Amino acid sequence: MDLRVGEQAAAAAGPPPSFYVKSVSFRVLAVSAKFERKPMLQRHRLVNACLAEGLLHINAFEQKTLIPEQWARER
């Protein structure tokens, strides 16, 4: 499985600096033949399992899951 992870947002605007909270969100592109004939929910669960530990430490997570043929068409 080929995973590409990129940070989406740096920090959330809000209260004064003493209460400043960093908000992190990520966008993941996963390309794998393992996704063949699997519905989107099952694909996302496979990615979630790979990233389970890291997902505990982020605020938002968006993913796109494709089979290699779909990725070749989208490039």
PDB file of N, CA and C in Angstrom:
ATOM      1  N   MET A   1       0.849  -1.166   0.000  1.00  0.00           N
ATOM      2  CA  MET A   1       0.000   0.000   0.000  1.00  0.00           C
ATOM      3  C   MET A   1       0.894   1.227   0.000  1.00  0.00           C
ATOM      4  N   ASP A   2       0.627   2.177  -0.874  1.00  0.00           N
ATOM      5  CA  ASP A   2       1.388   3.419  -0.962  1.00  0.00           C
ATOM      6  C   ASP A   2       0.584   4.504  -0.262  1.00  0.00           C
ATOM      7  N   LEU A   3       1.111   5.031   0.846  1.00  0.00           N
ATOM      8  CA  LEU A   3       0.426   6.082   1.599  1.00  0.00           C
ATOM      9  C   LEU A   3       1.178   7.387   1.445  1.00  0.00           C
ATOM     10  N   ARG A   4       0.472   8.441   1.139  1.00  0.00           N
ATOM     11  CA  ARG A   4       1.051   9.784   1.095  1.00  0.00           C
ATOM     12  C   ARG A   4       0.270  10.638   2.064  1.00  0.00           C
ATOM     13  N   VAL A   5       0.973  11.182   3.027  1.00  0.00           N
ATOM     14  CA  VAL A   5       0.326  11.941   4.094  1.00  0.00           C
ATOM     15  C   VAL A   5       0.826  13.371   4.041  1.00  0.00           C
ATOM     16  N   GLY A   6      -0.105  14.324   4.098  1.00  0.00           N
ATOM     17  CA  GLY A   6       0.248  15.730   4.114  1.00  0.00           C
ATOM     18  C   GLY A   6      -0.547  16.479   5.154  1.00  0.00           C
ATOM     19  N   GLU A   7       0.108  17.433   5.824  1.00  0.00           N
ATOM     20  CA  GLU A   7      -0.576  18.230   6.840  1.00  0.00           C
ATOM     21  C   GLU A   7      -1.445  19.263   6.153  1.00  0.00           C
ATOM     22  N   GLN A   8      -2.677  19.397   6.598  1.00  0.00           N
ATOM     23  CA  GLN A   8      -3.651  20.308   6.010  1.00  0.00           C
ATOM     24  C   GLN A   8      -3.632  21.689   6.645  1.00  0.00           C
ATOM     25  N   ALA A   9      -3.749  21.749   7.954  1.00  0.00           N
ATOM     26  CA  ALA A   9      -3.888  23.027   8.642  1.00  0.00           C
ATOM     27  C   ALA A   9      -2.822  23.132   9.713  1.00  0.00           C
ATOM     28  N   ALA A  10      -2.277  24.306   9.872  1.00  0.00           N
ATOM     29  CA  ALA A  10      -1.197  24.479  10.839  1.00  0.00           C
ATOM     30  C   ALA A  10      -1.731  24.689  12.247  1.00  0.00           C
ATOM     31  N   ALA A  11      -2.534  25.725  12.451  1.00  0.00           N
ATOM     32  CA  ALA A  11      -2.988  26.015  13.810  1.00  0.00           C
ATOM     33  C   ALA A  11      -4.359  26.674  13.774  1.00  0.00           C
ATOM     34  N   ALA A  12      -5.100  26.463  14.822  1.00  0.00           N
ATOM     35  CA  ALA A  12      -6.436  27.049  14.926  1.00  0.00           C
ATOM     36  C   ALA A  12      -6.341  28.441  15.533  1.00  0.00           C
ATOM     37  N   ALA A  13      -7.048  29.366  14.931  1.00  0.00           N
ATOM     38  CA  ALA A  13      -7.110  30.705  15.501  1.00  0.00           C
ATOM     39  C   ALA A  13      -8.013  30.654  16.715  1.00  0.00           C
ATOM     40  N   GLY A  14      -7.766  31.493  17.651  1.00  0.00           N
ATOM     41  CA  GLY A  14      -8.627  31.441  18.817  1.00  0.00           C
ATOM     42  C   GLY A  14      -8.185  32.375  19.908  1.00  0.00           C
ATOM     43  N   PRO A  15      -8.313  31.929  21.156  1.00  0.00           N
ATOM     44  CA  PRO A  15      -8.015  32.740  22.324  1.00  0.00           C
ATOM     45  C   PRO A  15      -6.565  33.214  22.361  1.00  0.00           C
ATOM     46  N   PRO A  16      -6.223  34.012  23.342  1.00  0.00           N
ATOM     47  CA  PRO A  16      -4.862  34.533  23.468  1.00  0.00           C
ATOM     48  C   PRO A  16      -3.813  33.423  23.485  1.00  0.00           C
ATOM     49  N   PRO A  17      -2.556  33.770  23.203  1.00  0.00           N
ATOM     50  CA  PRO A  17      -1.486  32.772  23.106  1.00  0.00           C
ATOM     51  C   PRO A  17      -1.368  31.810  24.279  1.00  0.00           C
ATOM     52  N   SER A  18      -1.682  32.231  25.492  1.00  0.00           N
ATOM     53  CA  SER A  18      -1.561  31.322  26.629  1.00  0.00           C
ATOM     54  C   SER A  18      -2.552  30.151  26.528  1.00  0.00           C
ATOM     55  N   PHE A  19      -3.591  30.334  25.714  1.00  0.00           N
ATOM     56  CA  PHE A  19      -4.577  29.275  25.526  1.00  0.00           C
ATOM     57  C   PHE A  19      -4.524  28.710  24.108  1.00  0.00           C
ATOM     58  N   TYR A  20      -3.458  29.012  23.411  1.00  0.00           N
ATOM     59  CA  TYR A  20      -3.303  28.615  22.013  1.00  0.00           C
ATOM     60  C   TYR A  20      -3.227  27.093  21.895  1.00  0.00           C
ATOM     61  N   VAL A  21      -4.053  26.535  21.013  1.00  0.00           N
ATOM     62  CA  VAL A  21      -4.085  25.086  20.809  1.00  0.00           C
ATOM     63  C   VAL A  21      -3.785  24.807  19.352  1.00  0.00           C
ATOM     64  N   LYS A  22      -2.810  23.965  19.119  1.00  0.00           N
ATOM     65  CA  LYS A  22      -2.495  23.599  17.749  1.00  0.00           C
ATOM     66  C   LYS A  22      -3.522  22.587  17.259  1.00  0.00           C
ATOM     67  N   SER A  23      -4.088  22.852  16.104  1.00  0.00           N
ATOM     68  CA  SER A  23      -5.058  21.952  15.491  1.00  0.00           C
ATOM     69  C   SER A  23      -4.420  21.362  14.241  1.00  0.00           C
ATOM     70  N   VAL A  24      -4.316  20.056  14.200  1.00  0.00           N
ATOM     71  CA  VAL A  24      -3.658  19.397  13.077  1.00  0.00           C
ATOM     72  C   VAL A  24      -4.652  18.533  12.327  1.00  0.00           C
ATOM     73  N   SER A  25      -4.658  18.688  11.014  1.00  0.00           N
ATOM     74  CA  SER A  25      -5.481  17.816  10.185  1.00  0.00           C
ATOM     75  C   SER A  25      -4.622  17.300   9.039  1.00  0.00           C
ATOM     76  N   PHE A  26      -4.935  16.117   8.582  1.00  0.00           N
ATOM     77  CA  PHE A  26      -4.157  15.477   7.536  1.00  0.00           C
ATOM     78  C   PHE A  26      -5.035  14.981   6.409  1.00  0.00           C
ATOM     79  N   ARG A  27      -4.442  14.975   5.229  1.00  0.00           N
ATOM     80  CA  ARG A  27      -5.082  14.402   4.052  1.00  0.00           C
ATOM     81  C   ARG A  27      -4.191  13.248   3.595  1.00  0.00           C
ATOM     82  N   VAL A  28      -4.789  12.081   3.407  1.00  0.00           N
ATOM     83  CA  VAL A  28      -4.040  10.884   3.025  1.00  0.00           C
ATOM     84  C   VAL A  28      -4.533  10.382   1.678  1.00  0.00           C
ATOM     85  N   LEU A  29      -3.586  10.079   0.809  1.00  0.00           N
ATOM     86  CA  LEU A  29      -3.882   9.410  -0.445  1.00  0.00           C
ATOM     87  C   LEU A  29      -3.282   8.015  -0.336  1.00  0.00           C
ATOM     88  N   ALA A  30      -4.109   6.994  -0.420  1.00  0.00           N
ATOM     89  CA  ALA A  30      -3.653   5.612  -0.343  1.00  0.00           C
ATOM     90  C   ALA A  30      -3.983   4.907  -1.649  1.00  0.00           C
ATOM     91  N   VAL A  31      -2.957   4.317  -2.257  1.00  0.00           N
ATOM     92  CA  VAL A  31      -3.134   3.594  -3.509  1.00  0.00           C
ATOM     93  C   VAL A  31      -2.685   2.159  -3.283  1.00  0.00           C
ATOM     94  N   SER A  32      -3.596   1.204  -3.538  1.00  0.00           N
ATOM     95  CA  SER A  32      -3.255  -0.189  -3.304  1.00  0.00           C
ATOM     96  C   SER A  32      -4.144  -1.118  -4.124  1.00  0.00           C
ATOM     97  N   ALA A  33      -3.542  -2.188  -4.607  1.00  0.00           N
ATOM     98  CA  ALA A  33      -4.316  -3.230  -5.285  1.00  0.00           C
ATOM     99  C   ALA A  33      -5.210  -3.959  -4.286  1.00  0.00           C
ATOM    100  N   LYS A  34      -4.894  -3.854  -2.999  1.00  0.00           N
ATOM    101  CA  LYS A  34      -5.715  -4.494  -1.958  1.00  0.00           C
ATOM    102  C   LYS A  34      -7.122  -3.894  -1.887  1.00  0.00           C
ATOM    103  N   PHE A  35      -7.302  -2.719  -2.463  1.00  0.00           N
ATOM    104  CA  PHE A  35      -8.613  -2.065  -2.459  1.00  0.00           C
ATOM    105  C   PHE A  35      -9.538  -2.598  -3.556  1.00  0.00           C
ATOM    106  N   GLU A  36      -9.006  -3.391  -4.454  1.00  0.00           N
ATOM    107  CA  GLU A  36      -9.789  -3.927  -5.566  1.00  0.00           C
ATOM    108  C   GLU A  36     -11.047  -4.617  -5.047  1.00  0.00           C
ATOM    109  N   ARG A  37     -12.187  -4.244  -5.614  1.00  0.00           N
ATOM    110  CA  ARG A  37     -13.506  -4.830  -5.287  1.00  0.00           C
ATOM    111  C   ARG A  37     -13.917  -4.640  -3.827  1.00  0.00           C
ATOM    112  N   LYS A  38     -13.348  -3.634  -3.160  1.00  0.00           N
ATOM    113  CA  LYS A  38     -13.762  -3.328  -1.787  1.00  0.00           C
ATOM    114  C   LYS A  38     -14.498  -1.992  -1.796  1.00  0.00           C
ATOM    115  N   PRO A  39     -15.606  -1.900  -1.058  1.00  0.00           N
ATOM    116  CA  PRO A  39     -16.304  -0.615  -0.959  1.00  0.00           C
ATOM    117  C   PRO A  39     -15.457   0.393  -0.173  1.00  0.00           C
ATOM    118  N   MET A  40     -15.805   1.652  -0.308  1.00  0.00           N
ATOM    119  CA  MET A  40     -15.034   2.729   0.303  1.00  0.00           C
ATOM    120  C   MET A  40     -14.840   2.532   1.808  1.00  0.00           C
ATOM    121  N   LEU A  41     -15.869   2.118   2.512  1.00  0.00           N
ATOM    122  CA  LEU A  41     -15.759   1.947   3.959  1.00  0.00           C
ATOM    123  C   LEU A  41     -14.691   0.908   4.320  1.00  0.00           C
ATOM    124  N   GLN A  42     -14.649  -0.195   3.599  1.00  0.00           N
ATOM    125  CA  GLN A  42     -13.633  -1.216   3.873  1.00  0.00           C
ATOM    126  C   GLN A  42     -12.232  -0.705   3.539  1.00  0.00           C
ATOM    127  N   ARG A  43     -12.115   0.067   2.465  1.00  0.00           N
ATOM    128  CA  ARG A  43     -10.821   0.665   2.106  1.00  0.00           C
ATOM    129  C   ARG A  43     -10.345   1.584   3.230  1.00  0.00           C
ATOM    130  N   HIS A  44     -11.249   2.419   3.708  1.00  0.00           N
ATOM    131  CA  HIS A  44     -10.888   3.363   4.772  1.00  0.00           C
ATOM    132  C   HIS A  44     -10.495   2.640   6.054  1.00  0.00           C
ATOM    133  N   ARG A  45     -11.162   1.551   6.347  1.00  0.00           N
ATOM    134  CA  ARG A  45     -10.803   0.781   7.543  1.00  0.00           C
ATOM    135  C   ARG A  45      -9.399   0.197   7.428  1.00  0.00           C
ATOM    136  N   LEU A  46      -9.001  -0.233   6.225  1.00  0.00           N
ATOM    137  CA  LEU A  46      -7.638  -0.740   6.030  1.00  0.00           C
ATOM    138  C   LEU A  46      -6.608   0.357   6.302  1.00  0.00           C
ATOM    139  N   VAL A  47      -6.878   1.546   5.795  1.00  0.00           N
ATOM    140  CA  VAL A  47      -5.969   2.681   6.024  1.00  0.00           C
ATOM    141  C   VAL A  47      -5.953   3.041   7.505  1.00  0.00           C
ATOM    142  N   ASN A  48      -7.115   3.102   8.119  1.00  0.00           N
ATOM    143  CA  ASN A  48      -7.198   3.433   9.547  1.00  0.00           C
ATOM    144  C   ASN A  48      -6.386   2.452  10.382  1.00  0.00           C
ATOM    145  N   ALA A  49      -6.423   1.174  10.019  1.00  0.00           N
ATOM    146  CA  ALA A  49      -5.658   0.169  10.755  1.00  0.00           C
ATOM    147  C   ALA A  49      -4.156   0.431  10.632  1.00  0.00           C
ATOM    148  N   CYS A  50      -3.701   0.845   9.460  1.00  0.00           N
ATOM    149  CA  CYS A  50      -2.275   1.154   9.258  1.00  0.00           C
ATOM    150  C   CYS A  50      -1.835   2.369  10.064  1.00  0.00           C
ATOM    151  N   LEU A  51      -2.732   3.321  10.236  1.00  0.00           N
ATOM    152  CA  LEU A  51      -2.390   4.594  10.886  1.00  0.00           C
ATOM    153  C   LEU A  51      -2.956   4.721  12.297  1.00  0.00           C
ATOM    154  N   ALA A  52      -3.421   3.627  12.869  1.00  0.00           N
ATOM    155  CA  ALA A  52      -4.163   3.655  14.133  1.00  0.00           C
ATOM    156  C   ALA A  52      -3.470   4.454  15.226  1.00  0.00           C
ATOM    157  N   GLU A  53      -2.206   4.228  15.461  1.00  0.00           N
ATOM    158  CA  GLU A  53      -1.504   4.928  16.542  1.00  0.00           C
ATOM    159  C   GLU A  53      -1.435   6.431  16.281  1.00  0.00           C
ATOM    160  N   GLY A  54      -1.136   6.812  15.059  1.00  0.00           N
ATOM    161  CA  GLY A  54      -1.039   8.232  14.725  1.00  0.00           C
ATOM    162  C   GLY A  54      -2.370   8.950  14.770  1.00  0.00           C
ATOM    163  N   LEU A  55      -3.453   8.245  14.474  1.00  0.00           N
ATOM    164  CA  LEU A  55      -4.774   8.869  14.472  1.00  0.00           C
ATOM    165  C   LEU A  55      -5.201   9.330  15.858  1.00  0.00           C
ATOM    166  N   LEU A  56      -4.596   8.784  16.895  1.00  0.00           N
ATOM    167  CA  LEU A  56      -4.926   9.187  18.261  1.00  0.00           C
ATOM    168  C   LEU A  56      -4.461  10.607  18.564  1.00  0.00           C
ATOM    169  N   HIS A  57      -3.551  11.141  17.747  1.00  0.00           N
ATOM    170  CA  HIS A  57      -2.912  12.420  18.057  1.00  0.00           C
ATOM    171  C   HIS A  57      -3.263  13.545  17.088  1.00  0.00           C
ATOM    172  N   ILE A  58      -4.266  13.351  16.254  1.00  0.00           N
ATOM    173  CA  ILE A  58      -4.627  14.403  15.311  1.00  0.00           C
ATOM    174  C   ILE A  58      -6.089  14.794  15.492  1.00  0.00           C
ATOM    175  N   ASN A  59      -6.436  15.975  14.962  1.00  0.00           N
ATOM    176  CA  ASN A  59      -7.788  16.500  15.125  1.00  0.00           C
ATOM    177  C   ASN A  59      -8.723  16.135  13.984  1.00  0.00           C
ATOM    178  N   ALA A  60      -8.192  16.081  12.771  1.00  0.00           N
ATOM    179  CA  ALA A  60      -9.023  15.794  11.603  1.00  0.00           C
ATOM    180  C   ALA A  60      -8.220  14.975  10.602  1.00  0.00           C
ATOM    181  N   PHE A  61      -8.925  14.115   9.882  1.00  0.00           N
ATOM    182  CA  PHE A  61      -8.276  13.184   8.980  1.00  0.00           C
ATOM    183  C   PHE A  61      -9.167  12.958   7.775  1.00  0.00           C
ATOM    184  N   GLU A  62      -8.642  13.219   6.597  1.00  0.00           N
ATOM    185  CA  GLU A  62      -9.380  13.010   5.352  1.00  0.00           C
ATOM    186  C   GLU A  62      -8.579  12.025   4.518  1.00  0.00           C
ATOM    187  N   GLN A  63      -9.257  11.066   3.902  1.00  0.00           N
ATOM    188  CA  GLN A  63      -8.522  10.108   3.091  1.00  0.00           C
ATOM    189  C   GLN A  63      -9.203   9.845   1.759  1.00  0.00           C
ATOM    190  N   LYS A  64      -8.361   9.529   0.790  1.00  0.00           N
ATOM    191  CA  LYS A  64      -8.816   9.135  -0.535  1.00  0.00           C
ATOM    192  C   LYS A  64      -8.123   7.808  -0.813  1.00  0.00           C
ATOM    193  N   THR A  65      -8.900   6.795  -1.185  1.00  0.00           N
ATOM    194  CA  THR A  65      -8.356   5.463  -1.409  1.00  0.00           C
ATOM    195  C   THR A  65      -8.646   5.036  -2.839  1.00  0.00           C
ATOM    196  N   LEU A  66      -7.604   4.657  -3.558  1.00  0.00           N
ATOM    197  CA  LEU A  66      -7.726   4.297  -4.968  1.00  0.00           C
ATOM    198  C   LEU A  66      -6.984   3.006  -5.270  1.00  0.00           C
ATOM    199  N   ILE A  67      -7.439   2.305  -6.298  1.00  0.00           N
ATOM    200  CA  ILE A  67      -6.652   1.192  -6.823  1.00  0.00           C
ATOM    201  C   ILE A  67      -5.669   1.805  -7.831  1.00  0.00           C
ATOM    202  N   PRO A  68      -4.592   1.096  -8.165  1.00  0.00           N
ATOM    203  CA  PRO A  68      -3.583   1.668  -9.069  1.00  0.00           C
ATOM    204  C   PRO A  68      -4.139   2.182 -10.400  1.00  0.00           C
ATOM    205  N   GLU A  69      -5.125   1.506 -10.954  1.00  0.00           N
ATOM    206  CA  GLU A  69      -5.708   1.949 -12.226  1.00  0.00           C
ATOM    207  C   GLU A  69      -6.407   3.298 -12.069  1.00  0.00           C
ATOM    208  N   GLN A  70      -7.097   3.490 -10.950  1.00  0.00           N
ATOM    209  CA  GLN A  70      -7.752   4.777 -10.693  1.00  0.00           C
ATOM    210  C   GLN A  70      -6.708   5.882 -10.534  1.00  0.00           C
ATOM    211  N   TRP A  71      -5.641   5.588  -9.841  1.00  0.00           N
ATOM    212  CA  TRP A  71      -4.575   6.565  -9.616  1.00  0.00           C
ATOM    213  C   TRP A  71      -3.927   6.956 -10.950  1.00  0.00           C
ATOM    214  N   ALA A  72      -3.710   5.987 -11.823  1.00  0.00           N
ATOM    215  CA  ALA A  72      -3.113   6.269 -13.136  1.00  0.00           C
ATOM    216  C   ALA A  72      -4.002   7.213 -13.945  1.00  0.00           C
ATOM    217  N   ARG A  73      -5.313   7.043 -13.844  1.00  0.00           N
ATOM    218  CA  ARG A  73      -6.243   7.932 -14.568  1.00  0.00           C
ATOM    219  C   ARG A  73      -6.267   9.337 -13.985  1.00  0.00           C
ATOM    220  N   GLU A  74      -6.086   9.462 -12.676  1.00  0.00           N
ATOM    221  CA  GLU A  74      -6.197  10.771 -11.997  1.00  0.00           C
ATOM    222  C   GLU A  74      -4.930  11.606 -12.086  1.00  0.00           C
ATOM    223  N   ARG A  75      -3.828  10.995 -12.388  1.00  0.00           N
ATOM    224  CA  ARG A  75      -2.562  11.750 -12.465  1.00  0.00           C
ATOM    225  C   ARG A  75      -2.564  12.734 -13.576  1.00  0.00           C
TER     226      ARG A  75
END
